[in-house]
Protein backbone atom coordinates (compact mmCIF):
# COMPACT_ATOMS: atom_id res chain seq x y z
CA MET A 1 86.89 -19.18 -15.04
CA SER A 2 87.28 -16.99 -11.91
CA ASP A 3 85.73 -14.21 -13.77
CA THR A 4 82.80 -16.62 -14.71
CA LYS A 5 81.94 -17.68 -10.95
CA ASP A 6 82.13 -13.69 -9.64
CA ALA A 7 79.27 -13.19 -12.42
CA SER A 8 76.66 -15.97 -11.34
CA PRO A 9 76.36 -14.21 -7.85
CA THR A 10 76.03 -10.56 -9.29
CA THR A 11 72.97 -11.64 -11.46
CA THR A 12 71.25 -13.70 -8.81
CA ASN A 13 71.64 -10.76 -6.33
CA ASN A 14 70.03 -8.77 -9.20
CA THR A 15 67.41 -10.75 -9.96
CA ALA A 16 65.93 -11.14 -6.48
CA PRO A 17 65.05 -7.73 -5.71
CA LYS A 18 63.00 -7.36 -8.99
CA ALA A 19 61.03 -10.74 -7.36
CA ASN A 20 60.44 -8.90 -4.56
CA THR A 21 59.66 -5.76 -6.58
CA ASN A 22 56.95 -7.42 -8.34
CA GLU A 23 55.55 -9.17 -5.29
CA GLU A 24 55.01 -5.42 -3.70
CA ILE A 25 53.34 -4.16 -6.49
CA ASP A 26 51.18 -6.93 -6.78
CA ASP A 27 50.20 -6.72 -3.05
CA LYS A 28 49.36 -2.97 -3.61
CA GLU A 29 46.77 -3.66 -6.36
CA ILE A 30 45.28 -6.03 -4.80
CA GLU A 31 44.90 -3.57 -1.52
CA LYS A 32 44.13 -0.65 -4.09
CA LEU A 33 40.95 -2.93 -5.43
CA LEU A 34 39.95 -3.85 -1.91
CA LYS A 35 39.95 -0.28 -0.85
CA GLN A 36 37.90 0.62 -4.12
CA GLN A 37 35.43 -2.44 -3.23
CA GLU A 38 35.24 -0.97 0.39
CA SER A 39 34.47 2.74 -1.08
CA GLN A 40 31.63 1.19 -3.62
CA LEU A 41 29.71 -0.71 -0.80
CA PRO A 42 28.12 2.62 0.69
CA ARG A 43 27.59 3.95 -2.65
CA ASP A 44 25.70 0.68 -3.75
CA GLN A 45 23.82 0.33 -0.70
CA GLU A 46 22.67 4.28 -0.66
CA ILE A 47 21.53 3.36 -4.36
CA ASP A 48 19.77 0.63 -3.56
CA ARG A 49 18.02 2.08 -0.54
CA ILE A 50 16.91 5.03 -2.60
CA LEU A 51 15.65 2.60 -5.43
CA SER A 52 13.57 0.83 -3.25
CA THR A 53 12.23 3.75 -1.22
CA PHE A 54 8.33 5.49 -1.71
CA LYS A 55 9.22 7.93 -4.81
CA LEU A 56 6.38 10.39 -3.63
CA ASP A 57 8.08 10.19 -0.30
CA PRO A 58 11.11 12.68 -0.53
CA PHE A 59 11.61 13.05 3.00
CA SER A 60 12.82 9.37 3.37
CA ILE A 61 14.88 9.64 -0.05
CA LEU A 62 16.70 12.51 1.62
CA GLN A 63 16.32 10.82 5.30
CA VAL A 64 15.31 14.46 6.44
CA PRO A 65 12.45 14.79 9.11
CA VAL A 66 9.02 16.12 8.18
CA ILE A 67 9.77 19.39 9.63
CA CYS A 68 13.07 20.17 8.00
CA THR A 69 14.96 23.65 7.08
CA PRO A 70 16.43 24.52 3.73
CA THR A 71 19.96 24.22 5.12
CA GLU A 72 18.92 20.25 6.18
CA ILE A 73 17.60 19.50 2.85
CA ARG A 74 20.43 21.30 1.01
CA ASN A 75 23.11 19.48 3.29
CA ALA A 76 21.40 15.89 2.41
CA TYR A 77 21.13 16.24 -0.74
CA ARG A 78 24.91 17.32 -1.25
CA LYS A 79 26.02 14.75 1.05
CA LYS A 80 24.31 12.33 -0.68
CA SER A 81 24.67 13.45 -4.24
CA LEU A 82 28.20 13.36 -4.05
CA LEU A 83 28.14 9.65 -2.49
CA ILE A 84 26.03 8.49 -5.44
CA HIS A 85 27.10 10.86 -8.13
CA PRO A 86 27.26 8.28 -11.39
CA ASP A 87 30.89 9.52 -12.11
CA LYS A 88 31.87 7.70 -8.93
CA ALA A 89 29.60 5.37 -8.32
CA GLN A 90 29.81 2.02 -10.43
CA HIS A 91 26.49 0.71 -9.95
CA PRO A 92 24.54 0.13 -12.94
CA LYS A 93 21.43 2.12 -11.56
CA ALA A 94 23.63 4.96 -10.47
CA PRO A 95 22.11 7.67 -12.96
CA GLU A 96 18.78 6.47 -11.82
CA ALA A 97 19.21 6.97 -8.21
CA PHE A 98 20.45 10.12 -8.97
CA GLU A 99 17.68 11.55 -10.78
CA ILE A 100 15.45 10.35 -7.70
CA LEU A 101 17.49 12.10 -5.45
CA LYS A 102 17.10 15.04 -7.62
CA LYS A 103 13.64 15.17 -8.05
CA ALA A 104 13.09 14.61 -3.97
CA SER A 105 15.12 17.72 -3.68
CA THR A 106 13.29 19.93 -5.88
CA MET A 107 9.99 18.67 -4.19
CA LEU A 108 11.41 20.03 -0.67
CA ASN A 109 12.81 22.82 -2.39
CA ASP A 110 9.09 23.85 -3.72
CA GLN A 111 7.54 25.69 -0.85
CA LYS A 112 3.76 24.90 -1.71
CA GLU A 113 4.73 21.27 -2.87
CA LYS A 114 6.57 21.14 0.70
CA GLU A 115 3.59 22.16 2.50
CA ARG A 116 1.32 19.74 0.99
CA LEU A 117 3.83 16.92 1.62
CA THR A 118 3.72 17.63 5.27
CA LYS A 119 -0.15 18.07 5.67
CA MET A 120 -0.14 14.99 3.65
CA MET A 121 2.22 13.25 6.07
CA TRP A 122 0.75 14.71 9.61
CA ASP A 123 -2.73 13.29 8.15
CA ALA A 124 -1.05 9.89 7.59
CA GLU A 125 0.22 10.45 11.02
CA LYS A 126 -3.49 10.89 12.67
CA ASP A 127 -4.78 8.46 10.44
CA LEU A 128 -2.42 5.89 11.88
CA ILE A 129 -2.93 6.69 15.46
CA ALA A 130 -6.76 6.32 14.84
CA LYS A 131 -6.00 2.93 13.32
CA TRP A 132 -4.30 1.87 15.95
CA ARG A 133 -6.22 3.11 18.95
CA SER A 134 -9.14 0.97 17.57
CA GLU A 135 -6.81 -1.88 17.05
CA ILE A 136 -6.02 -1.73 20.80
CA LYS A 137 -10.19 -1.50 21.64
CA LYS A 138 -10.05 -4.68 19.75
CA GLY A 139 -6.95 -6.35 21.35
CA THR A 140 -5.19 -6.98 18.18
CA ARG A 141 -2.52 -4.24 19.05
CA SER A 142 -0.54 -3.69 22.62
CA ALA A 143 -1.67 -0.55 24.08
CA SER A 144 2.17 -0.06 24.89
CA ASP A 145 2.58 1.45 21.26
CA LEU A 146 0.88 4.54 22.24
CA GLU A 147 1.72 4.96 25.65
CA GLY A 148 4.19 7.45 27.16
CA ASP A 149 4.72 11.45 25.90
CA ASN A 150 7.27 10.28 23.34
CA PHE A 151 5.65 7.70 21.50
CA ASP A 152 5.57 9.16 18.42
CA THR A 153 9.47 9.62 18.31
CA THR A 154 10.30 5.90 18.31
CA ASP A 155 12.01 4.32 15.45
CA LYS A 156 8.73 1.77 15.25
CA PHE A 157 6.11 4.67 14.98
CA ARG A 158 8.00 6.47 12.75
CA ASN A 159 8.63 3.42 10.15
CA ALA A 160 5.12 2.76 10.66
CA VAL A 161 4.03 6.34 9.70
CA ARG A 162 6.09 6.31 6.95
CA GLU A 163 4.64 2.98 5.68
CA HIS A 164 1.21 4.30 6.46
CA TYR A 165 2.21 7.22 4.39
CA LYS A 166 2.68 5.18 1.49
CA ASP A 167 -0.27 3.65 1.79
CA PHE A 168 -1.97 6.64 2.48
CA THR A 169 -0.47 8.49 -0.80
CA VAL A 170 -1.50 5.56 -2.64
CA GLU A 171 -5.04 5.94 -1.94
CA ILE A 172 -5.72 9.10 -2.50
CA GLU A 173 -3.88 9.08 -5.80
CA TRP A 174 -6.05 6.11 -7.01
CA ARG A 175 -8.89 8.18 -5.30
CA LYS A 176 -7.88 11.07 -7.72
CA ARG A 177 -7.54 8.87 -10.75
CA GLN A 178 -11.08 7.52 -10.42
CA LYS A 179 -12.43 11.09 -9.64
CA LEU A 180 -10.80 11.87 -12.95
CA ARG A 181 -11.91 8.80 -15.02
CA LYS A 182 -15.55 9.54 -13.37
CA ALA A 183 -15.21 13.22 -14.51
CA MET A 184 -13.36 12.20 -18.25
CA ARG A 185 -16.65 9.60 -18.57
CA GLU A 186 -19.15 12.10 -17.61
CA GLN A 187 -17.67 15.04 -19.96
CA GLY A 188 -17.74 12.18 -22.87
CA GLU A 189 -21.19 11.63 -22.08
CA GLU A 190 -22.22 15.36 -22.11
CA ASP A 191 -19.78 15.71 -25.24
CA LYS A 192 -21.77 12.94 -26.98
CA LYS A 193 -25.37 14.52 -25.95
CA LYS A 194 -24.32 17.70 -27.11
CA GLU A 195 -23.07 16.45 -30.53
CA ASP A 196 -26.14 14.14 -30.71
CA ALA A 197 -28.17 17.50 -30.16
CA ALA A 198 -26.03 19.39 -32.90
CA LEU A 199 -26.88 16.36 -35.21
CA GLU A 200 -30.50 16.60 -34.66
CA ALA A 201 -30.74 20.29 -35.16
CA LYS A 202 -28.42 19.93 -38.18
CA ARG A 203 -31.13 17.05 -39.65
CA LYS A 204 -34.07 19.38 -38.56
CA ARG A 205 -32.69 22.40 -40.48
CA GLU A 206 -31.75 20.19 -43.55
CA HIS A 207 -35.60 18.78 -43.60
CA GLU A 208 -36.95 22.63 -43.14
CA LYS A 209 -34.67 23.59 -45.96
CA ALA A 210 -35.67 20.86 -48.18
CA TRP A 211 -39.36 21.43 -47.07
CA GLU A 212 -39.26 25.15 -48.12
CA GLU A 213 -37.33 24.51 -51.38
CA SER A 214 -40.02 21.94 -52.32
CA ARG A 215 -42.92 24.30 -51.53
CA GLU A 216 -43.11 25.95 -55.04
CA ASP A 217 -42.96 22.31 -56.44
CA ARG A 218 -45.92 21.88 -54.07
CA VAL A 219 -47.96 24.62 -55.03
CA ASN A 220 -47.72 24.16 -58.64
CA SER A 221 -48.67 20.21 -58.04
CA TRP A 222 -51.70 21.85 -56.28
CA ARG A 223 -52.73 23.89 -59.17
CA ASP A 224 -52.23 21.68 -61.88
CA PHE A 225 -54.45 19.11 -59.89
CA MET A 226 -57.08 22.02 -59.32
CA SER A 227 -56.92 22.67 -63.08
CA LYS A 228 -57.43 19.31 -63.88
CA SER A 229 -60.01 18.91 -61.81
CA LYS A 230 -62.07 21.95 -63.06
CA LYS A 231 -61.69 20.77 -66.64
CA LYS A 232 -63.03 17.25 -65.74
CA LYS A 233 -66.22 19.26 -64.44
CA LYS A 234 -66.63 21.32 -67.02
CA SER A 235 -66.11 18.22 -69.38
CA LYS A 236 -68.92 16.10 -67.09
CA LYS A 237 -71.55 19.28 -67.66
CA ASN A 238 -71.00 19.76 -71.15
CA SER A 239 -71.48 16.07 -71.80
CA SER A 240 -74.78 16.13 -69.57
């Protein structure tokens, strides 16, 4: 009986640490899960930001200034591509955001395209300033928005420029499409005229050909007619 009593405490002592170990594992798993969720949060936020950014504004997608160097473009792309890479991000649209990011980098690494986009951004800024000045004169905007030497560096102004650039670009693209549609319509009308002229020329040639081919028949018919007329005249003379 003494052996049985000694065994009982031993069994109890062996199970207690196992219970504590299980609790520690659960806590670590929870902590790991929380850390994973925390690490995914900035990834998801960046992916959502890229997806919601105007696709024709690579400056905003990469979050680089309009006057930016190749190094700034490269560093911005590397940082963001590591953050939102589909292999690391769990966001369902991570691949789409990653493609948008790559396209933005490609656009700004193309010197001619970058110059074109930069000019459009400056044009949008000039247009916005002119618009704000007009609104200030009308009393619908505060003059403070354009006051000071550094008004064009404020977040309010820069954000307004980006939004105006979006509207500006959409309008330009719309005008281009309208111009293209007009050109296509005019080209279609011109092609139709050429086609009608070609058909008319063909019809005329066929008519002339048919007229020429029937010439011999007409001549023969005329000769027959004249021959019959002469015979009738002779017959009348003889009868008289």
